[in-house]
């Protein structure tokens, strides 16, 4: 527990709350920008975000500027392209799973 050495527990917890995956904001923004359903269906948005984020490498930062400051414009574009591809694939995947579930319900098949 090196995080707690010489600090009060609440001070460490407050600092750790700032740590996040840089891709989370990019993915959520991209989903809501490109998909109407995601703007009104929180479950769909959450499912797509989870699938997309699992297709991307984690990039944990405390402040977004920590990552972007040290990246070239080419690297930033590559990162945004990866987000775009991951979101598109995730939307296709979640939409197809929804269609399969609906078809099974209409056929009277039991759900998991």
PDB file of N, CA and C in Angstrom:
ATOM      1  N   UNK A   1       0.807  -1.181   0.000  1.00  0.00           N
ATOM      2  CA  UNK A   1       0.000   0.000   0.000  1.00  0.00           C
ATOM      3  C   UNK A   1       0.859   1.257   0.000  1.00  0.00           C
ATOM      4  N   UNK A   2       1.677   1.385  -0.992  1.00  0.00           N
ATOM      5  CA  UNK A   2       2.550   2.543  -1.080  1.00  0.00           C
ATOM      6  C   UNK A   2       1.770   3.838  -1.270  1.00  0.00           C
ATOM      7  N   UNK A   3       0.587   3.746  -1.864  1.00  0.00           N
ATOM      8  CA  UNK A   3      -0.206   4.946  -2.057  1.00  0.00           C
ATOM      9  C   UNK A   3      -0.571   5.631  -0.751  1.00  0.00           C
ATOM     10  N   UNK A   4      -0.679   4.853   0.307  1.00  0.00           N
ATOM     11  CA  UNK A   4      -1.106   5.406   1.581  1.00  0.00           C
ATOM     12  C   UNK A   4       0.057   5.843   2.460  1.00  0.00           C
ATOM     13  N   UNK A   5       1.272   5.563   2.069  1.00  0.00           N
ATOM     14  CA  UNK A   5       2.430   5.894   2.901  1.00  0.00           C
ATOM     15  C   UNK A   5       2.542   7.404   3.079  1.00  0.00           C
ATOM     16  N   UNK A   6       2.464   7.856   4.328  1.00  0.00           N
ATOM     17  CA  UNK A   6       2.645   9.268   4.640  1.00  0.00           C
ATOM     18  C   UNK A   6       1.481  10.167   4.264  1.00  0.00           C
ATOM     19  N   UNK A   7       0.361   9.620   3.890  1.00  0.00           N
ATOM     20  CA  UNK A   7      -0.812  10.429   3.528  1.00  0.00           C
ATOM     21  C   UNK A   7      -2.043   9.913   4.236  1.00  0.00           C
ATOM     22  N   UNK A   8      -2.981  10.793   4.371  1.00  0.00           N
ATOM     23  CA  UNK A   8      -4.270  10.373   4.911  1.00  0.00           C
ATOM     24  C   UNK A   8      -5.052   9.668   3.817  1.00  0.00           C
ATOM     25  N   UNK A   9      -5.842   8.706   4.209  1.00  0.00           N
ATOM     26  CA  UNK A   9      -6.588   7.895   3.247  1.00  0.00           C
ATOM     27  C   UNK A   9      -7.458   8.750   2.325  1.00  0.00           C
ATOM     28  N   UNK A  10      -8.192   9.711   2.848  1.00  0.00           N
ATOM     29  CA  UNK A  10      -9.082  10.519   2.018  1.00  0.00           C
ATOM     30  C   UNK A  10      -8.322  11.381   1.018  1.00  0.00           C
ATOM     31  N   UNK A  11      -7.117  11.804   1.338  1.00  0.00           N
ATOM     32  CA  UNK A  11      -6.322  12.586   0.398  1.00  0.00           C
ATOM     33  C   UNK A  11      -5.935  11.740  -0.811  1.00  0.00           C
ATOM     34  N   UNK A  12      -5.568  10.506  -0.576  1.00  0.00           N
ATOM     35  CA  UNK A  12      -5.189   9.607  -1.669  1.00  0.00           C
ATOM     36  C   UNK A  12      -6.402   9.293  -2.532  1.00  0.00           C
ATOM     37  N   UNK A  13      -7.524   8.997  -1.911  1.00  0.00           N
ATOM     38  CA  UNK A  13      -8.734   8.666  -2.660  1.00  0.00           C
ATOM     39  C   UNK A  13      -9.151   9.820  -3.556  1.00  0.00           C
ATOM     40  N   UNK A  14      -9.076  11.031  -3.051  1.00  0.00           N
ATOM     41  CA  UNK A  14      -9.452  12.195  -3.857  1.00  0.00           C
ATOM     42  C   UNK A  14      -8.529  12.341  -5.066  1.00  0.00           C
ATOM     43  N   UNK A  15      -7.249  12.085  -4.895  1.00  0.00           N
ATOM     44  CA  UNK A  15      -6.302  12.177  -6.003  1.00  0.00           C
ATOM     45  C   UNK A  15      -6.501  11.093  -7.036  1.00  0.00           C
ATOM     46  N   UNK A  16      -6.827   9.896  -6.605  1.00  0.00           N
ATOM     47  CA  UNK A  16      -7.033   8.768  -7.511  1.00  0.00           C
ATOM     48  C   UNK A  16      -8.306   8.962  -8.330  1.00  0.00           C
ATOM     49  N   UNK A  17      -9.276   9.678  -7.794  1.00  0.00           N
ATOM     50  CA  UNK A  17     -10.519   9.932  -8.529  1.00  0.00           C
ATOM     51  C   UNK A  17     -10.278  10.676  -9.826  1.00  0.00           C
ATOM     52  N   UNK A  18      -9.160  11.359  -9.945  1.00  0.00           N
ATOM     53  CA  UNK A  18      -8.854  12.107 -11.159  1.00  0.00           C
ATOM     54  C   UNK A  18      -8.296  11.209 -12.265  1.00  0.00           C
ATOM     55  N   UNK A  19      -7.878  10.014 -11.939  1.00  0.00           N
ATOM     56  CA  UNK A  19      -7.312   9.090 -12.919  1.00  0.00           C
ATOM     57  C   UNK A  19      -8.452   8.507 -13.761  1.00  0.00           C
ATOM     58  N   UNK A  20      -8.272   8.542 -15.072  1.00  0.00           N
ATOM     59  CA  UNK A  20      -9.287   7.978 -15.965  1.00  0.00           C
ATOM     60  C   UNK A  20      -8.639   7.505 -17.260  1.00  0.00           C
ATOM     61  N   UNK A  21      -9.391   6.713 -17.986  1.00  0.00           N
ATOM     62  CA  UNK A  21      -8.960   6.238 -19.293  1.00  0.00           C
ATOM     63  C   UNK A  21      -9.250   7.357 -20.304  1.00  0.00           C
ATOM     64  N   UNK A  22      -8.216   7.840 -20.931  1.00  0.00           N
ATOM     65  CA  UNK A  22      -8.344   8.957 -21.872  1.00  0.00           C
ATOM     66  C   UNK A  22      -9.368   8.661 -22.970  1.00  0.00           C
ATOM     67  N   UNK A  23      -9.465   7.415 -23.378  1.00  0.00           N
ATOM     68  CA  UNK A  23     -10.369   7.040 -24.457  1.00  0.00           C
ATOM     69  C   UNK A  23     -11.849   7.184 -24.082  1.00  0.00           C
ATOM     70  N   UNK A  24     -12.182   7.157 -22.793  1.00  0.00           N
ATOM     71  CA  UNK A  24     -13.589   7.195 -22.390  1.00  0.00           C
ATOM     72  C   UNK A  24     -14.316   8.406 -22.953  1.00  0.00           C
ATOM     73  N   UNK A  25     -13.754   9.577 -22.794  1.00  0.00           N
ATOM     74  CA  UNK A  25     -14.407  10.795 -23.287  1.00  0.00           C
ATOM     75  C   UNK A  25     -14.484  10.797 -24.811  1.00  0.00           C
ATOM     76  N   UNK A  26     -13.408  10.362 -25.454  1.00  0.00           N
ATOM     77  CA  UNK A  26     -13.404  10.322 -26.925  1.00  0.00           C
ATOM     78  C   UNK A  26     -14.487   9.380 -27.448  1.00  0.00           C
ATOM     79  N   UNK A  27     -14.585   8.211 -26.825  1.00  0.00           N
ATOM     80  CA  UNK A  27     -15.563   7.212 -27.258  1.00  0.00           C
ATOM     81  C   UNK A  27     -16.988   7.719 -27.033  1.00  0.00           C
ATOM     82  N   UNK A  28     -17.282   8.224 -25.858  1.00  0.00           N
ATOM     83  CA  UNK A  28     -18.634   8.711 -25.572  1.00  0.00           C
ATOM     84  C   UNK A  28     -19.014   9.864 -26.496  1.00  0.00           C
ATOM     85  N   UNK A  29     -18.085  10.764 -26.728  1.00  0.00           N
ATOM     86  CA  UNK A  29     -18.364  11.875 -27.638  1.00  0.00           C
ATOM     87  C   UNK A  29     -18.646  11.379 -29.049  1.00  0.00           C
ATOM     88  N   UNK A  30     -17.844  10.434 -29.500  1.00  0.00           N
ATOM     89  CA  UNK A  30     -18.006   9.910 -30.863  1.00  0.00           C
ATOM     90  C   UNK A  30     -19.337   9.179 -31.016  1.00  0.00           C
ATOM     91  N   UNK A  31     -19.705   8.393 -30.015  1.00  0.00           N
ATOM     92  CA  UNK A  31     -20.975   7.650 -30.083  1.00  0.00           C
ATOM     93  C   UNK A  31     -22.148   8.618 -30.184  1.00  0.00           C
ATOM     94  N   UNK A  32     -22.191   9.590 -29.287  1.00  0.00           N
ATOM     95  CA  UNK A  32     -23.334  10.509 -29.278  1.00  0.00           C
ATOM     96  C   UNK A  32     -23.342  11.424 -30.508  1.00  0.00           C
ATOM     97  N   UNK A  33     -22.187  11.671 -31.077  1.00  0.00           N
ATOM     98  CA  UNK A  33     -22.107  12.489 -32.283  1.00  0.00           C
ATOM     99  C   UNK A  33     -22.629  11.752 -33.505  1.00  0.00           C
ATOM    100  N   UNK A  34     -22.397  10.447 -33.560  1.00  0.00           N
ATOM    101  CA  UNK A  34     -22.696   9.694 -34.778  1.00  0.00           C
ATOM    102  C   UNK A  34     -23.938   8.815 -34.710  1.00  0.00           C
ATOM    103  N   UNK A  35     -24.563   8.690 -33.531  1.00  0.00           N
ATOM    104  CA  UNK A  35     -25.683   7.767 -33.432  1.00  0.00           C
ATOM    105  C   UNK A  35     -26.844   8.395 -32.668  1.00  0.00           C
ATOM    106  N   UNK A  36     -27.961   8.547 -33.357  1.00  0.00           N
ATOM    107  CA  UNK A  36     -29.154   9.161 -32.755  1.00  0.00           C
ATOM    108  C   UNK A  36     -29.677   8.336 -31.581  1.00  0.00           C
ATOM    109  N   UNK A  37     -29.704   7.034 -31.720  1.00  0.00           N
ATOM    110  CA  UNK A  37     -30.240   6.167 -30.658  1.00  0.00           C
ATOM    111  C   UNK A  37     -29.462   6.336 -29.358  1.00  0.00           C
ATOM    112  N   UNK A  38     -28.169   6.531 -29.464  1.00  0.00           N
ATOM    113  CA  UNK A  38     -27.334   6.670 -28.270  1.00  0.00           C
ATOM    114  C   UNK A  38     -27.682   7.922 -27.473  1.00  0.00           C
ATOM    115  N   UNK A  39     -28.278   8.911 -28.130  1.00  0.00           N
ATOM    116  CA  UNK A  39     -28.655  10.147 -27.438  1.00  0.00           C
ATOM    117  C   UNK A  39     -29.912   9.989 -26.610  1.00  0.00           C
ATOM    118  N   UNK A  40     -30.701   8.941 -26.885  1.00  0.00           N
ATOM    119  CA  UNK A  40     -31.957   8.760 -26.151  1.00  0.00           C
ATOM    120  C   UNK A  40     -32.016   7.445 -25.367  1.00  0.00           C
ATOM    121  N   UNK A  41     -31.128   6.522 -25.658  1.00  0.00           N
ATOM    122  CA  UNK A  41     -31.139   5.204 -25.020  1.00  0.00           C
ATOM    123  C   UNK A  41     -29.834   4.996 -24.248  1.00  0.00           C
ATOM    124  N   UNK A  42     -29.886   5.212 -22.941  1.00  0.00           N
ATOM    125  CA  UNK A  42     -28.690   5.128 -22.099  1.00  0.00           C
ATOM    126  C   UNK A  42     -28.113   3.713 -22.089  1.00  0.00           C
ATOM    127  N   UNK A  43     -28.976   2.704 -22.123  1.00  0.00           N
ATOM    128  CA  UNK A  43     -28.481   1.323 -22.146  1.00  0.00           C
ATOM    129  C   UNK A  43     -27.693   1.044 -23.421  1.00  0.00           C
ATOM    130  N   UNK A  44     -28.206   1.512 -24.538  1.00  0.00           N
ATOM    131  CA  UNK A  44     -27.505   1.340 -25.814  1.00  0.00           C
ATOM    132  C   UNK A  44     -26.164   2.070 -25.779  1.00  0.00           C
ATOM    133  N   UNK A  45     -26.170   3.302 -25.304  1.00  0.00           N
ATOM    134  CA  UNK A  45     -24.940   4.083 -25.189  1.00  0.00           C
ATOM    135  C   UNK A  45     -23.918   3.346 -24.327  1.00  0.00           C
ATOM    136  N   UNK A  46     -24.356   2.832 -23.203  1.00  0.00           N
ATOM    137  CA  UNK A  46     -23.446   2.121 -22.296  1.00  0.00           C
ATOM    138  C   UNK A  46     -22.893   0.852 -22.933  1.00  0.00           C
ATOM    139  N   UNK A  47     -23.765   0.092 -23.595  1.00  0.00           N
ATOM    140  CA  UNK A  47     -23.316  -1.150 -24.242  1.00  0.00           C
ATOM    141  C   UNK A  47     -22.291  -0.852 -25.337  1.00  0.00           C
ATOM    142  N   UNK A  48     -22.583   0.127 -26.164  1.00  0.00           N
ATOM    143  CA  UNK A  48     -21.665   0.481 -27.251  1.00  0.00           C
ATOM    144  C   UNK A  48     -20.337   0.985 -26.684  1.00  0.00           C
ATOM    145  N   UNK A  49     -20.405   1.822 -25.653  1.00  0.00           N
ATOM    146  CA  UNK A  49     -19.180   2.344 -25.042  1.00  0.00           C
ATOM    147  C   UNK A  49     -18.312   1.208 -24.499  1.00  0.00           C
ATOM    148  N   UNK A  50     -18.919   0.266 -23.814  1.00  0.00           N
ATOM    149  CA  UNK A  50     -18.148  -0.857 -23.258  1.00  0.00           C
ATOM    150  C   UNK A  50     -17.483  -1.676 -24.360  1.00  0.00           C
ATOM    151  N   UNK A  51     -18.234  -1.988 -25.409  1.00  0.00           N
ATOM    152  CA  UNK A  51     -17.671  -2.777 -26.508  1.00  0.00           C
ATOM    153  C   UNK A  51     -16.539  -2.002 -27.179  1.00  0.00           C
ATOM    154  N   UNK A  52     -16.752  -0.722 -27.450  1.00  0.00           N
ATOM    155  CA  UNK A  52     -15.720   0.087 -28.111  1.00  0.00           C
ATOM    156  C   UNK A  52     -14.475   0.207 -27.233  1.00  0.00           C
ATOM    157  N   UNK A  53     -14.654   0.483 -25.956  1.00  0.00           N
ATOM    158  CA  UNK A  53     -13.501   0.645 -25.065  1.00  0.00           C
ATOM    159  C   UNK A  53     -12.707  -0.646 -24.928  1.00  0.00           C
ATOM    160  N   UNK A  54     -13.377  -1.778 -25.001  1.00  0.00           N
ATOM    161  CA  UNK A  54     -12.668  -3.055 -24.923  1.00  0.00           C
ATOM    162  C   UNK A  54     -11.891  -3.362 -26.197  1.00  0.00           C
ATOM    163  N   UNK A  55     -12.144  -2.624 -27.254  1.00  0.00           N
ATOM    164  CA  UNK A  55     -11.386  -2.783 -28.500  1.00  0.00           C
ATOM    165  C   UNK A  55     -10.176  -1.843 -28.568  1.00  0.00           C
ATOM    166  N   UNK A  56     -10.054  -0.969 -27.590  1.00  0.00           N
ATOM    167  CA  UNK A  56      -8.973   0.019 -27.576  1.00  0.00           C
ATOM    168  C   UNK A  56      -8.018  -0.246 -26.418  1.00  0.00           C
ATOM    169  N   UNK A  57      -6.768   0.128 -26.583  1.00  0.00           N
ATOM    170  CA  UNK A  57      -5.828  -0.043 -25.464  1.00  0.00           C
ATOM    171  C   UNK A  57      -6.128   0.980 -24.372  1.00  0.00           C
ATOM    172  N   UNK A  58      -5.984   0.619 -23.125  1.00  0.00           N
ATOM    173  CA  UNK A  58      -6.211   1.609 -22.065  1.00  0.00           C
ATOM    174  C   UNK A  58      -5.108   2.660 -22.066  1.00  0.00           C
ATOM    175  N   UNK A  59      -5.486   3.899 -21.822  1.00  0.00           N
ATOM    176  CA  UNK A  59      -4.533   5.016 -21.742  1.00  0.00           C
ATOM    177  C   UNK A  59      -4.926   5.847 -20.525  1.00  0.00           C
ATOM    178  N   UNK A  60      -4.452   5.434 -19.370  1.00  0.00           N
ATOM    179  CA  UNK A  60      -4.831   6.115 -18.140  1.00  0.00           C
ATOM    180  C   UNK A  60      -4.002   7.368 -17.924  1.00  0.00           C
ATOM    181  N   UNK A  61      -4.696   8.438 -17.581  1.00  0.00           N
ATOM    182  CA  UNK A  61      -4.066   9.731 -17.334  1.00  0.00           C
ATOM    183  C   UNK A  61      -4.753  10.385 -16.144  1.00  0.00           C
ATOM    184  N   UNK A  62      -4.079  11.343 -15.597  1.00  0.00           N
ATOM    185  CA  UNK A  62      -4.694  12.151 -14.540  1.00  0.00           C
ATOM    186  C   UNK A  62      -5.357  13.378 -15.159  1.00  0.00           C
ATOM    187  N   UNK A  63      -4.696  13.971 -16.116  1.00  0.00           N
ATOM    188  CA  UNK A  63      -5.225  15.120 -16.845  1.00  0.00           C
ATOM    189  C   UNK A  63      -5.060  14.832 -18.333  1.00  0.00           C
ATOM    190  N   UNK A  64      -6.076  15.140 -19.122  1.00  0.00           N
ATOM    191  CA  UNK A  64      -6.017  14.868 -20.560  1.00  0.00           C
ATOM    192  C   UNK A  64      -4.813  15.519 -21.222  1.00  0.00           C
ATOM    193  N   UNK A  65      -4.459  16.689 -20.766  1.00  0.00           N
ATOM    194  CA  UNK A  65      -3.324  17.400 -21.359  1.00  0.00           C
ATOM    195  C   UNK A  65      -2.023  16.622 -21.167  1.00  0.00           C
ATOM    196  N   UNK A  66      -1.945  15.782 -20.132  1.00  0.00           N
ATOM    197  CA  UNK A  66      -0.740  14.973 -19.907  1.00  0.00           C
ATOM    198  C   UNK A  66      -0.442  14.091 -21.116  1.00  0.00           C
ATOM    199  N   UNK A  67      -1.460  13.599 -21.759  1.00  0.00           N
ATOM    200  CA  UNK A  67      -1.278  12.718 -22.913  1.00  0.00           C
ATOM    201  C   UNK A  67      -1.133  13.516 -24.204  1.00  0.00           C
ATOM    202  N   UNK A  68      -2.034  14.440 -24.415  1.00  0.00           N
ATOM    203  CA  UNK A  68      -2.054  15.153 -25.697  1.00  0.00           C
ATOM    204  C   UNK A  68      -0.862  16.081 -25.885  1.00  0.00           C
ATOM    205  N   UNK A  69      -0.307  16.593 -24.811  1.00  0.00           N
ATOM    206  CA  UNK A  69       0.823  17.515 -24.907  1.00  0.00           C
ATOM    207  C   UNK A  69       2.039  16.845 -25.548  1.00  0.00           C
ATOM    208  N   UNK A  70       2.215  15.559 -25.273  1.00  0.00           N
ATOM    209  CA  UNK A  70       3.407  14.856 -25.739  1.00  0.00           C
ATOM    210  C   UNK A  70       3.178  14.050 -27.015  1.00  0.00           C
ATOM    211  N   UNK A  71       2.010  14.207 -27.628  1.00  0.00           N
ATOM    212  CA  UNK A  71       1.719  13.469 -28.853  1.00  0.00           C
ATOM    213  C   UNK A  71       1.817  14.391 -30.064  1.00  0.00           C
ATOM    214  N   UNK A  72       2.273  13.827 -31.155  1.00  0.00           N
ATOM    215  CA  UNK A  72       2.344  14.586 -32.405  1.00  0.00           C
ATOM    216  C   UNK A  72       0.939  14.643 -33.022  1.00  0.00           C
ATOM    217  N   UNK A  73       0.727  15.553 -33.957  1.00  0.00           N
ATOM    218  CA  UNK A  73      -0.562  15.603 -34.654  1.00  0.00           C
ATOM    219  C   UNK A  73      -0.902  14.285 -35.355  1.00  0.00           C
ATOM    220  N   UNK A  74       0.104  13.616 -35.866  1.00  0.00           N
ATOM    221  CA  UNK A  74      -0.119  12.323 -36.528  1.00  0.00           C
ATOM    222  C   UNK A  74      -0.613  11.289 -35.519  1.00  0.00           C
ATOM    223  N   UNK A  75       0.013  11.239 -34.340  1.00  0.00           N
ATOM    224  CA  UNK A  75      -0.408  10.299 -33.300  1.00  0.00           C
ATOM    225  C   UNK A  75      -1.829  10.601 -32.817  1.00  0.00           C
ATOM    226  N   UNK A  76      -2.161  11.869 -32.684  1.00  0.00           N
ATOM    227  CA  UNK A  76      -3.519  12.242 -32.270  1.00  0.00           C
ATOM    228  C   UNK A  76      -4.542  11.821 -33.317  1.00  0.00           C
ATOM    229  N   UNK A  77      -4.198  12.014 -34.585  1.00  0.00           N
ATOM    230  CA  UNK A  77      -5.118  11.595 -35.652  1.00  0.00           C
ATOM    231  C   UNK A  77      -5.297  10.081 -35.645  1.00  0.00           C
ATOM    232  N   UNK A  78      -4.216   9.348 -35.452  1.00  0.00           N
ATOM    233  CA  UNK A  78      -4.311   7.887 -35.381  1.00  0.00           C
ATOM    234  C   UNK A  78      -5.208   7.463 -34.223  1.00  0.00           C
ATOM    235  N   UNK A  79      -5.074   8.141 -33.101  1.00  0.00           N
ATOM    236  CA  UNK A  79      -5.894   7.821 -31.940  1.00  0.00           C
ATOM    237  C   UNK A  79      -7.376   8.073 -32.245  1.00  0.00           C
ATOM    238  N   UNK A  80      -7.676   9.186 -32.875  1.00  0.00           N
ATOM    239  CA  UNK A  80      -9.061   9.500 -33.220  1.00  0.00           C
ATOM    240  C   UNK A  80      -9.599   8.534 -34.274  1.00  0.00           C
ATOM    241  N   UNK A  81      -8.760   8.115 -35.206  1.00  0.00           N
ATOM    242  CA  UNK A  81      -9.174   7.126 -36.206  1.00  0.00           C
ATOM    243  C   UNK A  81      -9.493   5.792 -35.552  1.00  0.00           C
ATOM    244  N   UNK A  82      -8.684   5.390 -34.578  1.00  0.00           N
ATOM    245  CA  UNK A  82      -8.945   4.141 -33.857  1.00  0.00           C
ATOM    246  C   UNK A  82     -10.267   4.217 -33.107  1.00  0.00           C
ATOM    247  N   UNK A  83     -10.541   5.364 -32.513  1.00  0.00           N
ATOM    248  CA  UNK A  83     -11.809   5.553 -31.801  1.00  0.00           C
ATOM    249  C   UNK A  83     -12.974   5.446 -32.780  1.00  0.00           C
ATOM    250  N   UNK A  84     -12.851   6.112 -33.915  1.00  0.00           N
ATOM    251  CA  UNK A  84     -13.909   6.073 -34.923  1.00  0.00           C
ATOM    252  C   UNK A  84     -14.187   4.636 -35.367  1.00  0.00           C
ATOM    253  N   UNK A  85     -13.141   3.870 -35.651  1.00  0.00           N
ATOM    254  CA  UNK A  85     -13.309   2.472 -36.071  1.00  0.00           C
ATOM    255  C   UNK A  85     -13.926   1.624 -34.957  1.00  0.00           C
ATOM    256  N   UNK A  86     -13.426   1.783 -33.736  1.00  0.00           N
ATOM    257  CA  UNK A  86     -13.937   0.999 -32.606  1.00  0.00           C
ATOM    258  C   UNK A  86     -15.405   1.302 -32.349  1.00  0.00           C
ATOM    259  N   UNK A  87     -15.788   2.553 -32.444  1.00  0.00           N
ATOM    260  CA  UNK A  87     -17.186   2.937 -32.218  1.00  0.00           C
ATOM    261  C   UNK A  87     -18.076   2.385 -33.316  1.00  0.00           C
ATOM    262  N   UNK A  88     -17.638   2.489 -34.558  1.00  0.00           N
ATOM    263  CA  UNK A  88     -18.439   1.947 -35.663  1.00  0.00           C
ATOM    264  C   UNK A  88     -18.649   0.444 -35.492  1.00  0.00           C
ATOM    265  N   UNK A  89     -17.587  -0.280 -35.191  1.00  0.00           N
ATOM    266  CA  UNK A  89     -17.696  -1.729 -34.984  1.00  0.00           C
ATOM    267  C   UNK A  89     -18.582  -2.049 -33.791  1.00  0.00           C
ATOM    268  N   UNK A  90     -18.477  -1.263 -32.740  1.00  0.00           N
ATOM    269  CA  UNK A  90     -19.282  -1.504 -31.536  1.00  0.00           C
ATOM    270  C   UNK A  90     -20.762  -1.254 -31.808  1.00  0.00           C
ATOM    271  N   UNK A  91     -21.075  -0.196 -32.535  1.00  0.00           N
ATOM    272  CA  UNK A  91     -22.472   0.080 -32.884  1.00  0.00           C
ATOM    273  C   UNK A  91     -23.027  -1.062 -33.729  1.00  0.00           C
ATOM    274  N   UNK A  92     -22.261  -1.506 -34.717  1.00  0.00           N
ATOM    275  CA  UNK A  92     -22.698  -2.626 -35.559  1.00  0.00           C
ATOM    276  C   UNK A  92     -22.924  -3.879 -34.719  1.00  0.00           C
ATOM    277  N   UNK A  93     -22.005  -4.163 -33.794  1.00  0.00           N
ATOM    278  CA  UNK A  93     -22.115  -5.362 -32.964  1.00  0.00           C
ATOM    279  C   UNK A  93     -23.350  -5.302 -32.056  1.00  0.00           C
ATOM    280  N   UNK A  94     -23.505  -4.208 -31.344  1.00  0.00           N
ATOM    281  CA  UNK A  94     -24.632  -4.094 -30.406  1.00  0.00           C
ATOM    282  C   UNK A  94     -25.956  -4.100 -31.160  1.00  0.00           C
ATOM    283  N   UNK A  95     -26.015  -3.429 -32.290  1.00  0.00           N
ATOM    284  CA  UNK A  95     -27.234  -3.412 -33.097  1.00  0.00           C
ATOM    285  C   UNK A  95     -27.578  -4.811 -33.601  1.00  0.00           C
ATOM    286  N   UNK A  96     -26.574  -5.556 -34.033  1.00  0.00           N
ATOM    287  CA  UNK A  96     -26.828  -6.921 -34.523  1.00  0.00           C
ATOM    288  C   UNK A  96     -27.282  -7.834 -33.385  1.00  0.00           C
ATOM    289  N   UNK A  97     -26.705  -7.663 -32.203  1.00  0.00           N
ATOM    290  CA  UNK A  97     -27.123  -8.480 -31.048  1.00  0.00           C
ATOM    291  C   UNK A  97     -28.558  -8.145 -30.650  1.00  0.00           C
ATOM    292  N   UNK A  98     -28.913  -6.876 -30.724  1.00  0.00           N
ATOM    293  CA  UNK A  98     -30.295  -6.474 -30.437  1.00  0.00           C
ATOM    294  C   UNK A  98     -31.258  -7.103 -31.429  1.00  0.00           C
ATOM    295  N   UNK A  99     -30.882  -7.118 -32.704  1.00  0.00           N
ATOM    296  CA  UNK A  99     -31.736  -7.708 -33.737  1.00  0.00           C
ATOM    297  C   UNK A  99     -31.914  -9.205 -33.507  1.00  0.00           C
ATOM    298  N   UNK A 100     -30.837  -9.892 -33.125  1.00  0.00           N
ATOM    299  CA  UNK A 100     -30.926 -11.328 -32.827  1.00  0.00           C
ATOM    300  C   UNK A 100     -31.841 -11.581 -31.638  1.00  0.00           C
ATOM    301  N   UNK A 101     -31.712 -10.744 -30.607  1.00  0.00           N
ATOM    302  CA  UNK A 101     -32.543 -10.891 -29.412  1.00  0.00           C
ATOM    303  C   UNK A 101     -34.020 -10.675 -29.755  1.00  0.00           C
ATOM    304  N   UNK A 102     -34.307  -9.655 -30.548  1.00  0.00           N
ATOM    305  CA  UNK A 102     -35.686  -9.374 -30.952  1.00  0.00           C
ATOM    306  C   UNK A 102     -36.261 -10.512 -31.783  1.00  0.00           C
ATOM    307  N   UNK A 103     -35.447 -11.059 -32.681  1.00  0.00           N
ATOM    308  CA  UNK A 103     -35.919 -12.179 -33.512  1.00  0.00           C
ATOM    309  C   UNK A 103     -36.218 -13.396 -32.657  1.00  0.00           C
ATOM    310  N   UNK A 104     -35.373 -13.652 -31.672  1.00  0.00           N
ATOM    311  CA  UNK A 104     -35.589 -14.789 -30.777  1.00  0.00           C
ATOM    312  C   UNK A 104     -36.845 -14.597 -29.945  1.00  0.00           C
ATOM    313  N   UNK A 105     -37.092 -13.381 -29.504  1.00  0.00           N
ATOM    314  CA  UNK A 105     -38.302 -13.096 -28.725  1.00  0.00           C
ATOM    315  C   UNK A 105     -39.548 -13.293 -29.570  1.00  0.00           C
ATOM    316  N   UNK A 106     -39.492 -12.876 -30.824  1.00  0.00           N
ATOM    317  CA  UNK A 106     -40.633 -13.031 -31.704  1.00  0.00           C
ATOM    318  C   UNK A 106     -40.897 -14.504 -32.009  1.00  0.00           C
ATOM    319  N   UNK A 107     -39.841 -15.295 -32.048  1.00  0.00           N
ATOM    320  CA  UNK A 107     -39.990 -16.717 -32.317  1.00  0.00           C
ATOM    321  C   UNK A 107     -40.370 -17.496 -31.069  1.00  0.00           C
ATOM    322  N   UNK A 108     -40.389 -16.810 -29.930  1.00  0.00           N
ATOM    323  CA  UNK A 108     -40.776 -17.456 -28.677  1.00  0.00           C
ATOM    324  C   UNK A 108     -39.663 -18.264 -28.048  1.00  0.00           C
ATOM    325  N   UNK A 109     -38.425 -18.030 -28.442  1.00  0.00           N
ATOM    326  CA  UNK A 109     -37.304 -18.753 -27.864  1.00  0.00           C
ATOM    327  C   UNK A 109     -36.959 -18.167 -26.493  1.00  0.00           C
ATOM    328  N   UNK A 110     -36.552 -19.015 -25.545  1.00  0.00           N
ATOM    329  CA  UNK A 110     -36.197 -18.516 -24.212  1.00  0.00           C
ATOM    330  C   UNK A 110     -34.899 -17.683 -24.281  1.00  0.00           C
ATOM    331  N   UNK A 111     -34.840 -16.651 -23.443  1.00  0.00           N
ATOM    332  CA  UNK A 111     -33.684 -15.771 -23.399  1.00  0.00           C
ATOM    333  C   UNK A 111     -32.751 -16.191 -22.258  1.00  0.00           C
ATOM    334  N   UNK A 112     -31.461 -15.888 -22.427  1.00  0.00           N
ATOM    335  CA  UNK A 112     -30.472 -16.197 -21.392  1.00  0.00           C
ATOM    336  C   UNK A 112     -30.674 -15.335 -20.181  1.00  0.00           C
TER     337      UNK A 112
END
